[in-house]
Amino acid sequence: MNITTMITGTTARITPHGEIDFDTLPPLHRVLDRLPLQVTELLWDLEHLSFTDVAGLHLIFGPMAHGRLSCRTTVTNLRDQPLQLLLTAADLFPAAYDVSCLIPHTPADLTAPRA
């Protein structure tokens, strides 16, 4: 997996290329672990991510596991499959996967729990 990291001020933009699954997590965790302490915003640019499974959910929603308790996390450039996974997770487990914080400009009808 290729990973591009760009740090601008207090924001880190991480762009994984390929797929995220449990086999590709170690290099992504190393990228997170090596971020400078001044990074307070984490932006996942998923333009080049063709697939993710639950490992991607754990990675995106789990910055606390990497010592980033105060790091604000957002995502951008979601392709169809990762977006559908996020929306399904939010629908099934809204307390655990609040995509309204993760995707700042998400229309409310996409993140509202279904009856």
PDB file of N, CA and C in Angstrom:
ATOM      1  N   MET A   1       0.837  -1.173   0.000  1.00  0.00           N
ATOM      2  CA  MET A   1       0.000   0.000   0.000  1.00  0.00           C
ATOM      3  C   MET A   1       0.885   1.240   0.000  1.00  0.00           C
ATOM      4  N   ASN A   2       0.574   2.168  -0.872  1.00  0.00           N
ATOM      5  CA  ASN A   2       1.233   3.467  -0.871  1.00  0.00           C
ATOM      6  C   ASN A   2       0.407   4.422  -0.031  1.00  0.00           C
ATOM      7  N   ILE A   3       1.098   5.243   0.744  1.00  0.00           N
ATOM      8  CA  ILE A   3       0.430   6.210   1.615  1.00  0.00           C
ATOM      9  C   ILE A   3       1.138   7.547   1.445  1.00  0.00           C
ATOM     10  N   THR A   4       0.359   8.566   1.150  1.00  0.00           N
ATOM     11  CA  THR A   4       0.902   9.916   1.046  1.00  0.00           C
ATOM     12  C   THR A   4       0.464  10.695   2.283  1.00  0.00           C
ATOM     13  N   THR A   5       1.412  11.359   2.927  1.00  0.00           N
ATOM     14  CA  THR A   5       1.107  12.179   4.096  1.00  0.00           C
ATOM     15  C   THR A   5       1.605  13.589   3.838  1.00  0.00           C
ATOM     16  N   MET A   6       0.727  14.567   4.057  1.00  0.00           N
ATOM     17  CA  MET A   6       1.108  15.966   3.915  1.00  0.00           C
ATOM     18  C   MET A   6       0.683  16.698   5.193  1.00  0.00           C
ATOM     19  N   ILE A   7       1.622  17.399   5.792  1.00  0.00           N
ATOM     20  CA  ILE A   7       1.333  18.138   7.021  1.00  0.00           C
ATOM     21  C   ILE A   7       1.427  19.624   6.719  1.00  0.00           C
ATOM     22  N   THR A   8       0.352  20.315   7.031  1.00  0.00           N
ATOM     23  CA  THR A   8       0.288  21.765   6.868  1.00  0.00           C
ATOM     24  C   THR A   8      -0.156  22.352   8.194  1.00  0.00           C
ATOM     25  N   GLY A   9       0.747  23.003   8.898  1.00  0.00           N
ATOM     26  CA  GLY A   9       0.407  23.568  10.207  1.00  0.00           C
ATOM     27  C   GLY A   9       0.036  22.463  11.180  1.00  0.00           C
ATOM     28  N   THR A  10      -1.222  22.498  11.651  1.00  0.00           N
ATOM     29  CA  THR A  10      -1.693  21.506  12.615  1.00  0.00           C
ATOM     30  C   THR A  10      -2.552  20.413  11.967  1.00  0.00           C
ATOM     31  N   THR A  11      -2.588  20.393  10.630  1.00  0.00           N
ATOM     32  CA  THR A  11      -3.415  19.423   9.913  1.00  0.00           C
ATOM     33  C   THR A  11      -2.546  18.424   9.163  1.00  0.00           C
ATOM     34  N   ALA A  12      -2.875  17.143   9.328  1.00  0.00           N
ATOM     35  CA  ALA A  12      -2.227  16.079   8.569  1.00  0.00           C
ATOM     36  C   ALA A  12      -3.247  15.517   7.592  1.00  0.00           C
ATOM     37  N   ARG A  13      -2.861  15.446   6.327  1.00  0.00           N
ATOM     38  CA  ARG A  13      -3.709  14.856   5.282  1.00  0.00           C
ATOM     39  C   ARG A  13      -3.063  13.534   4.890  1.00  0.00           C
ATOM     40  N   ILE A  14      -3.784  12.437   5.136  1.00  0.00           N
ATOM     41  CA  ILE A  14      -3.279  11.105   4.834  1.00  0.00           C
ATOM     42  C   ILE A  14      -4.096  10.540   3.685  1.00  0.00           C
ATOM     43  N   THR A  15      -3.386  10.122   2.630  1.00  0.00           N
ATOM     44  CA  THR A  15      -4.031   9.596   1.430  1.00  0.00           C
ATOM     45  C   THR A  15      -3.536   8.177   1.185  1.00  0.00           C
ATOM     46  N   PRO A  16      -4.345   7.177   1.573  1.00  0.00           N
ATOM     47  CA  PRO A  16      -3.966   5.797   1.252  1.00  0.00           C
ATOM     48  C   PRO A  16      -4.348   5.464  -0.189  1.00  0.00           C
ATOM     49  N   HIS A  17      -3.537   4.654  -0.824  1.00  0.00           N
ATOM     50  CA  HIS A  17      -3.789   4.230  -2.207  1.00  0.00           C
ATOM     51  C   HIS A  17      -4.013   2.722  -2.202  1.00  0.00           C
ATOM     52  N   GLY A  18      -5.163   2.276  -2.669  1.00  0.00           N
ATOM     53  CA  GLY A  18      -5.437   0.838  -2.726  1.00  0.00           C
ATOM     54  C   GLY A  18      -6.621   0.461  -1.868  1.00  0.00           C
ATOM     55  N   GLU A  19      -6.404  -0.506  -0.972  1.00  0.00           N
ATOM     56  CA  GLU A  19      -7.460  -1.040  -0.130  1.00  0.00           C
ATOM     57  C   GLU A  19      -7.024  -1.021   1.324  1.00  0.00           C
ATOM     58  N   ILE A  20      -8.010  -0.862   2.218  1.00  0.00           N
ATOM     59  CA  ILE A  20      -7.733  -0.971   3.651  1.00  0.00           C
ATOM     60  C   ILE A  20      -8.434  -2.218   4.164  1.00  0.00           C
ATOM     61  N   ASP A  21      -7.627  -3.111   4.724  1.00  0.00           N
ATOM     62  CA  ASP A  21      -8.131  -4.278   5.429  1.00  0.00           C
ATOM     63  C   ASP A  21      -7.136  -4.548   6.564  1.00  0.00           C
ATOM     64  N   PHE A  22      -7.337  -5.612   7.310  1.00  0.00           N
ATOM     65  CA  PHE A  22      -6.461  -5.844   8.459  1.00  0.00           C
ATOM     66  C   PHE A  22      -5.011  -6.103   8.058  1.00  0.00           C
ATOM     67  N   ASP A  23      -4.761  -6.551   6.832  1.00  0.00           N
ATOM     68  CA  ASP A  23      -3.387  -6.761   6.369  1.00  0.00           C
ATOM     69  C   ASP A  23      -2.667  -5.449   6.056  1.00  0.00           C
ATOM     70  N   THR A  24      -3.416  -4.414   5.701  1.00  0.00           N
ATOM     71  CA  THR A  24      -2.788  -3.137   5.345  1.00  0.00           C
ATOM     72  C   THR A  24      -2.804  -2.139   6.496  1.00  0.00           C
ATOM     73  N   LEU A  25      -3.315  -2.525   7.660  1.00  0.00           N
ATOM     74  CA  LEU A  25      -3.350  -1.606   8.801  1.00  0.00           C
ATOM     75  C   LEU A  25      -1.980  -1.238   9.370  1.00  0.00           C
ATOM     76  N   PRO A  26      -1.019  -2.161   9.487  1.00  0.00           N
ATOM     77  CA  PRO A  26       0.250  -1.789  10.131  1.00  0.00           C
ATOM     78  C   PRO A  26       0.935  -0.543   9.544  1.00  0.00           C
ATOM     79  N   PRO A  27       1.066  -0.416   8.212  1.00  0.00           N
ATOM     80  CA  PRO A  27       1.712   0.806   7.722  1.00  0.00           C
ATOM     81  C   PRO A  27       0.877   2.066   7.997  1.00  0.00           C
ATOM     82  N   LEU A  28      -0.431   1.937   8.010  1.00  0.00           N
ATOM     83  CA  LEU A  28      -1.281   3.082   8.322  1.00  0.00           C
ATOM     84  C   LEU A  28      -1.141   3.474   9.793  1.00  0.00           C
ATOM     85  N   HIS A  29      -1.049   2.493  10.674  1.00  0.00           N
ATOM     86  CA  HIS A  29      -0.828   2.783  12.090  1.00  0.00           C
ATOM     87  C   HIS A  29       0.532   3.451  12.304  1.00  0.00           C
ATOM     88  N   ARG A  30       1.545   3.006  11.552  1.00  0.00           N
ATOM     89  CA  ARG A  30       2.865   3.637  11.682  1.00  0.00           C
ATOM     90  C   ARG A  30       2.818   5.103  11.266  1.00  0.00           C
ATOM     91  N   VAL A  31       2.059   5.395  10.204  1.00  0.00           N
ATOM     92  CA  VAL A  31       1.912   6.796   9.773  1.00  0.00           C
ATOM     93  C   VAL A  31       1.280   7.609  10.899  1.00  0.00           C
ATOM     94  N   LEU A  32       0.216   7.095  11.494  1.00  0.00           N
ATOM     95  CA  LEU A  32      -0.434   7.807  12.601  1.00  0.00           C
ATOM     96  C   LEU A  32       0.505   7.990  13.780  1.00  0.00           C
ATOM     97  N   ASP A  33       1.234   6.941  14.121  1.00  0.00           N
ATOM     98  CA  ASP A  33       2.138   7.002  15.267  1.00  0.00           C
ATOM     99  C   ASP A  33       3.275   8.005  15.065  1.00  0.00           C
ATOM    100  N   ARG A  34       3.642   8.268  13.814  1.00  0.00           N
ATOM    101  CA  ARG A  34       4.760   9.173  13.520  1.00  0.00           C
ATOM    102  C   ARG A  34       4.338  10.620  13.322  1.00  0.00           C
ATOM    103  N   LEU A  35       3.041  10.908  13.423  1.00  0.00           N
ATOM    104  CA  LEU A  35       2.603  12.291  13.241  1.00  0.00           C
ATOM    105  C   LEU A  35       3.162  13.163  14.360  1.00  0.00           C
ATOM    106  N   PRO A  36       3.578  14.378  14.022  1.00  0.00           N
ATOM    107  CA  PRO A  36       4.080  15.288  15.051  1.00  0.00           C
ATOM    108  C   PRO A  36       2.997  15.623  16.082  1.00  0.00           C
ATOM    109  N   LEU A  37       3.404  15.934  17.287  1.00  0.00           N
ATOM    110  CA  LEU A  37       2.453  16.230  18.353  1.00  0.00           C
ATOM    111  C   LEU A  37       1.586  17.451  18.064  1.00  0.00           C
ATOM    112  N   GLN A  38       2.074  18.385  17.232  1.00  0.00           N
ATOM    113  CA  GLN A  38       1.284  19.585  16.950  1.00  0.00           C
ATOM    114  C   GLN A  38       0.072  19.303  16.061  1.00  0.00           C
ATOM    115  N   VAL A  39      -0.013  18.102  15.476  1.00  0.00           N
ATOM    116  CA  VAL A  39      -1.158  17.762  14.620  1.00  0.00           C
ATOM    117  C   VAL A  39      -2.401  17.587  15.491  1.00  0.00           C
ATOM    118  N   THR A  40      -3.402  18.417  15.231  1.00  0.00           N
ATOM    119  CA  THR A  40      -4.669  18.346  15.959  1.00  0.00           C
ATOM    120  C   THR A  40      -5.845  18.043  15.038  1.00  0.00           C
ATOM    121  N   GLU A  41      -5.590  18.057  13.728  1.00  0.00           N
ATOM    122  CA  GLU A  41      -6.631  17.725  12.762  1.00  0.00           C
ATOM    123  C   GLU A  41      -6.084  16.672  11.798  1.00  0.00           C
ATOM    124  N   LEU A  42      -6.880  15.640  11.613  1.00  0.00           N
ATOM    125  CA  LEU A  42      -6.498  14.541  10.741  1.00  0.00           C
ATOM    126  C   LEU A  42      -7.525  14.448   9.624  1.00  0.00           C
ATOM    127  N   LEU A  43      -7.068  14.590   8.383  1.00  0.00           N
ATOM    128  CA  LEU A  43      -7.940  14.501   7.220  1.00  0.00           C
ATOM    129  C   LEU A  43      -7.555  13.265   6.418  1.00  0.00           C
ATOM    130  N   TRP A  44      -8.492  12.339   6.312  1.00  0.00           N
ATOM    131  CA  TRP A  44      -8.293  11.153   5.485  1.00  0.00           C
ATOM    132  C   TRP A  44      -8.804  11.485   4.094  1.00  0.00           C
ATOM    133  N   ASP A  45      -7.923  11.532   3.118  1.00  0.00           N
ATOM    134  CA  ASP A  45      -8.309  11.753   1.726  1.00  0.00           C
ATOM    135  C   ASP A  45      -8.430  10.372   1.092  1.00  0.00           C
ATOM    136  N   LEU A  46      -9.659   9.949   0.810  1.00  0.00           N
ATOM    137  CA  LEU A  46      -9.903   8.584   0.360  1.00  0.00           C
ATOM    138  C   LEU A  46     -10.158   8.489  -1.142  1.00  0.00           C
ATOM    139  N   GLU A  47      -9.670   9.469  -1.879  1.00  0.00           N
ATOM    140  CA  GLU A  47      -9.866   9.492  -3.325  1.00  0.00           C
ATOM    141  C   GLU A  47      -9.315   8.240  -4.007  1.00  0.00           C
ATOM    142  N   HIS A  48      -8.207   7.713  -3.499  1.00  0.00           N
ATOM    143  CA  HIS A  48      -7.556   6.568  -4.137  1.00  0.00           C
ATOM    144  C   HIS A  48      -7.820   5.260  -3.404  1.00  0.00           C
ATOM    145  N   LEU A  49      -8.811   5.270  -2.537  1.00  0.00           N
ATOM    146  CA  LEU A  49      -9.171   4.067  -1.788  1.00  0.00           C
ATOM    147  C   LEU A  49     -10.309   3.365  -2.521  1.00  0.00           C
ATOM    148  N   SER A  50     -10.027   2.207  -3.043  1.00  0.00           N
ATOM    149  CA  SER A  50     -11.038   1.478  -3.817  1.00  0.00           C
ATOM    150  C   SER A  50     -11.912   0.589  -2.944  1.00  0.00           C
ATOM    151  N   PHE A  51     -11.418   0.175  -1.778  1.00  0.00           N
ATOM    152  CA  PHE A  51     -12.160  -0.745  -0.919  1.00  0.00           C
ATOM    153  C   PHE A  51     -11.682  -0.606   0.509  1.00  0.00           C
ATOM    154  N   THR A  52     -12.611  -0.756   1.445  1.00  0.00           N
ATOM    155  CA  THR A  52     -12.249  -0.925   2.844  1.00  0.00           C
ATOM    156  C   THR A  52     -13.274  -1.832   3.496  1.00  0.00           C
ATOM    157  N   ASP A  53     -12.820  -2.539   4.517  1.00  0.00           N
ATOM    158  CA  ASP A  53     -13.734  -3.337   5.310  1.00  0.00           C
ATOM    159  C   ASP A  53     -13.785  -2.724   6.705  1.00  0.00           C
ATOM    160  N   VAL A  54     -14.204  -3.484   7.680  1.00  0.00           N
ATOM    161  CA  VAL A  54     -14.345  -2.949   9.035  1.00  0.00           C
ATOM    162  C   VAL A  54     -13.015  -2.416   9.574  1.00  0.00           C
ATOM    163  N   ALA A  55     -11.906  -2.883   9.051  1.00  0.00           N
ATOM    164  CA  ALA A  55     -10.598  -2.358   9.470  1.00  0.00           C
ATOM    165  C   ALA A  55     -10.503  -0.860   9.197  1.00  0.00           C
ATOM    166  N   GLY A  56     -11.046  -0.430   8.068  1.00  0.00           N
ATOM    167  CA  GLY A  56     -11.058   0.998   7.750  1.00  0.00           C
ATOM    168  C   GLY A  56     -11.891   1.798   8.729  1.00  0.00           C
ATOM    169  N   LEU A  57     -13.012   1.228   9.165  1.00  0.00           N
ATOM    170  CA  LEU A  57     -13.839   1.904  10.171  1.00  0.00           C
ATOM    171  C   LEU A  57     -13.060   2.080  11.468  1.00  0.00           C
ATOM    172  N   HIS A  58     -12.385   1.014  11.896  1.00  0.00           N
ATOM    173  CA  HIS A  58     -11.593   1.095  13.128  1.00  0.00           C
ATOM    174  C   HIS A  58     -10.478   2.127  12.994  1.00  0.00           C
ATOM    175  N   LEU A  59      -9.876   2.188  11.850  1.00  0.00           N
ATOM    176  CA  LEU A  59      -8.792   3.139  11.625  1.00  0.00           C
ATOM    177  C   LEU A  59      -9.304   4.577  11.657  1.00  0.00           C
ATOM    178  N   ILE A  60     -10.364   4.840  10.914  1.00  0.00           N
ATOM    179  CA  ILE A  60     -10.873   6.209  10.793  1.00  0.00           C
ATOM    180  C   ILE A  60     -11.528   6.693  12.084  1.00  0.00           C
ATOM    181  N   PHE A  61     -12.237   5.810  12.758  1.00  0.00           N
ATOM    182  CA  PHE A  61     -12.920   6.212  13.984  1.00  0.00           C
ATOM    183  C   PHE A  61     -12.084   5.986  15.229  1.00  0.00           C
ATOM    184  N   GLY A  62     -10.849   5.521  15.085  1.00  0.00           N
ATOM    185  CA  GLY A  62     -10.068   5.170  16.251  1.00  0.00           C
ATOM    186  C   GLY A  62      -8.794   5.941  16.496  1.00  0.00           C
ATOM    187  N   PRO A  63      -8.752   7.269  16.274  1.00  0.00           N
ATOM    188  CA  PRO A  63      -7.482   7.966  16.527  1.00  0.00           C
ATOM    189  C   PRO A  63      -7.058   7.921  17.987  1.00  0.00           C
ATOM    190  N   MET A  64      -7.993   7.679  18.904  1.00  0.00           N
ATOM    191  CA  MET A  64      -7.626   7.599  20.316  1.00  0.00           C
ATOM    192  C   MET A  64      -6.694   6.427  20.575  1.00  0.00           C
ATOM    193  N   ALA A  65      -6.782   5.402  19.745  1.00  0.00           N
ATOM    194  CA  ALA A  65      -5.907   4.243  19.907  1.00  0.00           C
ATOM    195  C   ALA A  65      -4.459   4.584  19.584  1.00  0.00           C
ATOM    196  N   HIS A  66      -4.233   5.728  19.005  1.00  0.00           N
ATOM    197  CA  HIS A  66      -2.881   6.125  18.617  1.00  0.00           C
ATOM    198  C   HIS A  66      -2.430   7.376  19.352  1.00  0.00           C
ATOM    199  N   GLY A  67      -2.965   7.617  20.560  1.00  0.00           N
ATOM    200  CA  GLY A  67      -2.530   8.724  21.390  1.00  0.00           C
ATOM    201  C   GLY A  67      -2.995  10.086  20.916  1.00  0.00           C
ATOM    202  N   ARG A  68      -4.013  10.140  20.114  1.00  0.00           N
ATOM    203  CA  ARG A  68      -4.510  11.408  19.575  1.00  0.00           C
ATOM    204  C   ARG A  68      -5.880  11.716  20.164  1.00  0.00           C
ATOM    205  N   LEU A  69      -5.943  11.867  21.462  1.00  0.00           N
ATOM    206  CA  LEU A  69      -7.229  12.071  22.128  1.00  0.00           C
ATOM    207  C   LEU A  69      -7.945  13.331  21.660  1.00  0.00           C
ATOM    208  N   SER A  70      -7.197  14.366  21.300  1.00  0.00           N
ATOM    209  CA  SER A  70      -7.841  15.624  20.926  1.00  0.00           C
ATOM    210  C   SER A  70      -7.801  15.875  19.419  1.00  0.00           C
ATOM    211  N   CYS A  71      -7.497  14.871  18.652  1.00  0.00           N
ATOM    212  CA  CYS A  71      -7.378  15.033  17.212  1.00  0.00           C
ATOM    213  C   CYS A  71      -8.755  14.973  16.556  1.00  0.00           C
ATOM    214  N   ARG A  72      -9.099  16.016  15.802  1.00  0.00           N
ATOM    215  CA  ARG A  72     -10.356  16.048  15.055  1.00  0.00           C
ATOM    216  C   ARG A  72     -10.135  15.322  13.736  1.00  0.00           C
ATOM    217  N   THR A  73     -11.008  14.375  13.429  1.00  0.00           N
ATOM    218  CA  THR A  73     -10.851  13.554  12.237  1.00  0.00           C
ATOM    219  C   THR A  73     -11.982  13.818  11.260  1.00  0.00           C
ATOM    220  N   THR A  74     -11.625  14.013   9.977  1.00  0.00           N
ATOM    221  CA  THR A  74     -12.612  14.151   8.910  1.00  0.00           C
ATOM    222  C   THR A  74     -12.147  13.327   7.714  1.00  0.00           C
ATOM    223  N   VAL A  75     -13.077  13.082   6.788  1.00  0.00           N
ATOM    224  CA  VAL A  75     -12.734  12.377   5.556  1.00  0.00           C
ATOM    225  C   VAL A  75     -13.211  13.197   4.364  1.00  0.00           C
ATOM    226  N   THR A  76     -12.553  12.967   3.229  1.00  0.00           N
ATOM    227  CA  THR A  76     -12.922  13.655   2.004  1.00  0.00           C
ATOM    228  C   THR A  76     -12.729  12.699   0.826  1.00  0.00           C
ATOM    229  N   ASN A  77     -13.349  13.043  -0.278  1.00  0.00           N
ATOM    230  CA  ASN A  77     -13.205  12.295  -1.536  1.00  0.00           C
ATOM    231  C   ASN A  77     -13.576  10.817  -1.413  1.00  0.00           C
ATOM    232  N   LEU A  78     -14.660  10.550  -0.718  1.00  0.00           N
ATOM    233  CA  LEU A  78     -15.117   9.167  -0.563  1.00  0.00           C
ATOM    234  C   LEU A  78     -15.639   8.605  -1.873  1.00  0.00           C
ATOM    235  N   ARG A  79     -15.176   7.432  -2.207  1.00  0.00           N
ATOM    236  CA  ARG A  79     -15.705   6.710  -3.367  1.00  0.00           C
ATOM    237  C   ARG A  79     -16.897   5.866  -2.896  1.00  0.00           C
ATOM    238  N   ASP A  80     -17.576   5.240  -3.826  1.00  0.00           N
ATOM    239  CA  ASP A  80     -18.842   4.562  -3.530  1.00  0.00           C
ATOM    240  C   ASP A  80     -18.753   3.510  -2.420  1.00  0.00           C
ATOM    241  N   GLN A  81     -17.833   2.573  -2.523  1.00  0.00           N
ATOM    242  CA  GLN A  81     -17.800   1.482  -1.550  1.00  0.00           C
ATOM    243  C   GLN A  81     -17.459   1.969  -0.141  1.00  0.00           C
ATOM    244  N   PRO A  82     -16.419   2.787   0.047  1.00  0.00           N
ATOM    245  CA  PRO A  82     -16.156   3.285   1.405  1.00  0.00           C
ATOM    246  C   PRO A  82     -17.308   4.136   1.954  1.00  0.00           C
ATOM    247  N   LEU A  83     -17.943   4.925   1.098  1.00  0.00           N
ATOM    248  CA  LEU A  83     -19.076   5.730   1.544  1.00  0.00           C
ATOM    249  C   LEU A  83     -20.231   4.838   1.995  1.00  0.00           C
ATOM    250  N   GLN A  84     -20.546   3.814   1.221  1.00  0.00           N
ATOM    251  CA  GLN A  84     -21.630   2.903   1.595  1.00  0.00           C
ATOM    252  C   GLN A  84     -21.327   2.191   2.912  1.00  0.00           C
ATOM    253  N   LEU A  85     -20.078   1.812   3.125  1.00  0.00           N
ATOM    254  CA  LEU A  85     -19.703   1.173   4.380  1.00  0.00           C
ATOM    255  C   LEU A  85     -19.912   2.127   5.553  1.00  0.00           C
ATOM    256  N   LEU A  86     -19.456   3.372   5.403  1.00  0.00           N
ATOM    257  CA  LEU A  86     -19.638   4.354   6.477  1.00  0.00           C
ATOM    258  C   LEU A  86     -21.106   4.601   6.780  1.00  0.00           C
ATOM    259  N   LEU A  87     -21.917   4.743   5.738  1.00  0.00           N
ATOM    260  CA  LEU A  87     -23.346   5.010   5.939  1.00  0.00           C
ATOM    261  C   LEU A  87     -24.054   3.802   6.550  1.00  0.00           C
ATOM    262  N   THR A  88     -23.670   2.601   6.151  1.00  0.00           N
ATOM    263  CA  THR A  88     -24.259   1.394   6.739  1.00  0.00           C
ATOM    264  C   THR A  88     -23.886   1.287   8.212  1.00  0.00           C
ATOM    265  N   ALA A  89     -22.632   1.528   8.526  1.00  0.00           N
ATOM    266  CA  ALA A  89     -22.185   1.481   9.923  1.00  0.00           C
ATOM    267  C   ALA A  89     -22.917   2.533  10.757  1.00  0.00           C
ATOM    268  N   ALA A  90     -23.087   3.735  10.201  1.00  0.00           N
ATOM    269  CA  ALA A  90     -23.794   4.797  10.916  1.00  0.00           C
ATOM    270  C   ALA A  90     -25.258   4.442  11.122  1.00  0.00           C
ATOM    271  N   ASP A  91     -25.848   3.780  10.144  1.00  0.00           N
ATOM    272  CA  ASP A  91     -27.245   3.373  10.238  1.00  0.00           C
ATOM    273  C   ASP A  91     -27.424   2.286  11.298  1.00  0.00           C
ATOM    274  N   LEU A  92     -26.513   1.315  11.322  1.00  0.00           N
ATOM    275  CA  LEU A  92     -26.628   0.200  12.260  1.00  0.00           C
ATOM    276  C   LEU A  92     -26.162   0.542  13.672  1.00  0.00           C
ATOM    277  N   PHE A  93     -25.132   1.379  13.771  1.00  0.00           N
ATOM    278  CA  PHE A  93     -24.529   1.709  15.062  1.00  0.00           C
ATOM    279  C   PHE A  93     -24.298   3.218  15.168  1.00  0.00           C
ATOM    280  N   PRO A  94     -25.370   4.017  15.232  1.00  0.00           N
ATOM    281  CA  PRO A  94     -25.219   5.478  15.187  1.00  0.00           C
ATOM    282  C   PRO A  94     -24.381   6.062  16.324  1.00  0.00           C
ATOM    283  N   ALA A  95     -24.406   5.450  17.486  1.00  0.00           N
ATOM    284  CA  ALA A  95     -23.610   5.980  18.602  1.00  0.00           C
ATOM    285  C   ALA A  95     -22.116   5.771  18.373  1.00  0.00           C
ATOM    286  N   ALA A  96     -21.754   4.708  17.709  1.00  0.00           N
ATOM    287  CA  ALA A  96     -20.342   4.387  17.484  1.00  0.00           C
ATOM    288  C   ALA A  96     -19.779   5.055  16.239  1.00  0.00           C
ATOM    289  N   TYR A  97     -20.615   5.236  15.228  1.00  0.00           N
ATOM    290  CA  TYR A  97     -20.145   5.758  13.938  1.00  0.00           C
ATOM    291  C   TYR A  97     -20.950   6.988  13.554  1.00  0.00           C
ATOM    292  N   ASP A  98     -20.604   8.123  14.137  1.00  0.00           N
ATOM    293  CA  ASP A  98     -21.294   9.383  13.856  1.00  0.00           C
ATOM    294  C   ASP A  98     -20.630  10.048  12.655  1.00  0.00           C
ATOM    295  N   VAL A  99     -21.164   9.795  11.473  1.00  0.00           N
ATOM    296  CA  VAL A  99     -20.559  10.343  10.263  1.00  0.00           C
ATOM    297  C   VAL A  99     -20.821  11.827  10.101  1.00  0.00           C
ATOM    298  N   SER A 100     -21.761  12.395  10.858  1.00  0.00           N
ATOM    299  CA  SER A 100     -22.006  13.833  10.736  1.00  0.00           C
ATOM    300  C   SER A 100     -20.801  14.634  11.216  1.00  0.00           C
ATOM    301  N   CYS A 101     -20.014  14.084  12.137  1.00  0.00           N
ATOM    302  CA  CYS A 101     -18.781  14.741  12.579  1.00  0.00           C
ATOM    303  C   CYS A 101     -17.626  14.424  11.635  1.00  0.00           C
ATOM    304  N   LEU A 102     -17.646  13.228  11.084  1.00  0.00           N
ATOM    305  CA  LEU A 102     -16.568  12.765  10.230  1.00  0.00           C
ATOM    306  C   LEU A 102     -16.609  13.406   8.847  1.00  0.00           C
ATOM    307  N   ILE A 103     -17.814  13.583   8.335  1.00  0.00           N
ATOM    308  CA  ILE A 103     -18.027  14.199   7.025  1.00  0.00           C
ATOM    309  C   ILE A 103     -18.809  15.482   7.283  1.00  0.00           C
ATOM    310  N   PRO A 104     -18.136  16.611   7.479  1.00  0.00           N
ATOM    311  CA  PRO A 104     -18.787  17.834   7.961  1.00  0.00           C
ATOM    312  C   PRO A 104     -19.979  18.321   7.147  1.00  0.00           C
ATOM    313  N   HIS A 105     -19.989  18.111   5.856  1.00  0.00           N
ATOM    314  CA  HIS A 105     -21.069  18.656   5.029  1.00  0.00           C
ATOM    315  C   HIS A 105     -22.030  17.571   4.560  1.00  0.00           C
ATOM    316  N   THR A 106     -22.248  16.568   5.413  1.00  0.00           N
ATOM    317  CA  THR A 106     -23.150  15.474   5.068  1.00  0.00           C
ATOM    318  C   THR A 106     -24.588  15.937   5.237  1.00  0.00           C
ATOM    319  N   PRO A 107     -25.425  15.763   4.221  1.00  0.00           N
ATOM    320  CA  PRO A 107     -26.839  16.119   4.383  1.00  0.00           C
ATOM    321  C   PRO A 107     -27.467  15.326   5.520  1.00  0.00           C
ATOM    322  N   ALA A 108     -28.321  15.958   6.293  1.00  0.00           N
ATOM    323  CA  ALA A 108     -28.921  15.334   7.459  1.00  0.00           C
ATOM    324  C   ALA A 108     -29.699  14.073   7.097  1.00  0.00           C
ATOM    325  N   ASP A 109     -30.313  14.044   5.928  1.00  0.00           N
ATOM    326  CA  ASP A 109     -31.103  12.854   5.571  1.00  0.00           C
ATOM    327  C   ASP A 109     -30.231  11.623   5.357  1.00  0.00           C
ATOM    328  N   LEU A 110     -28.937  11.788   5.115  1.00  0.00           N
ATOM    329  CA  LEU A 110     -28.047  10.641   4.965  1.00  0.00           C
ATOM    330  C   LEU A 110     -27.595  10.076   6.309  1.00  0.00           C
ATOM    331  N   THR A 111     -27.539  10.925   7.333  1.00  0.00           N
ATOM    332  CA  THR A 111     -27.014  10.481   8.617  1.00  0.00           C
ATOM    333  C   THR A 111     -28.107  10.213   9.637  1.00  0.00           C
ATOM    334  N   ALA A 112     -29.331  10.595   9.339  1.00  0.00           N
ATOM    335  CA  ALA A 112     -30.415  10.374  10.282  1.00  0.00           C
ATOM    336  C   ALA A 112     -30.749   8.886  10.367  1.00  0.00           C
ATOM    337  N   PRO A 113     -30.961   8.371  11.581  1.00  0.00           N
ATOM    338  CA  PRO A 113     -31.329   6.951  11.700  1.00  0.00           C
ATOM    339  C   PRO A 113     -32.632   6.681  10.971  1.00  0.00           C
ATOM    340  N   ARG A 114     -32.701   5.526  10.337  1.00  0.00           N
ATOM    341  CA  ARG A 114     -33.928   5.141   9.616  1.00  0.00           C
ATOM    342  C   ARG A 114     -34.908   4.489  10.560  1.00  0.00           C
ATOM    343  N   ALA A 115     -36.165   4.741  10.342  1.00  0.00           N
ATOM    344  CA  ALA A 115     -37.208   4.170  11.194  1.00  0.00           C
ATOM    345  C   ALA A 115     -37.474   2.730  10.846  1.00  0.00           C
TER     346      ALA A 115
END
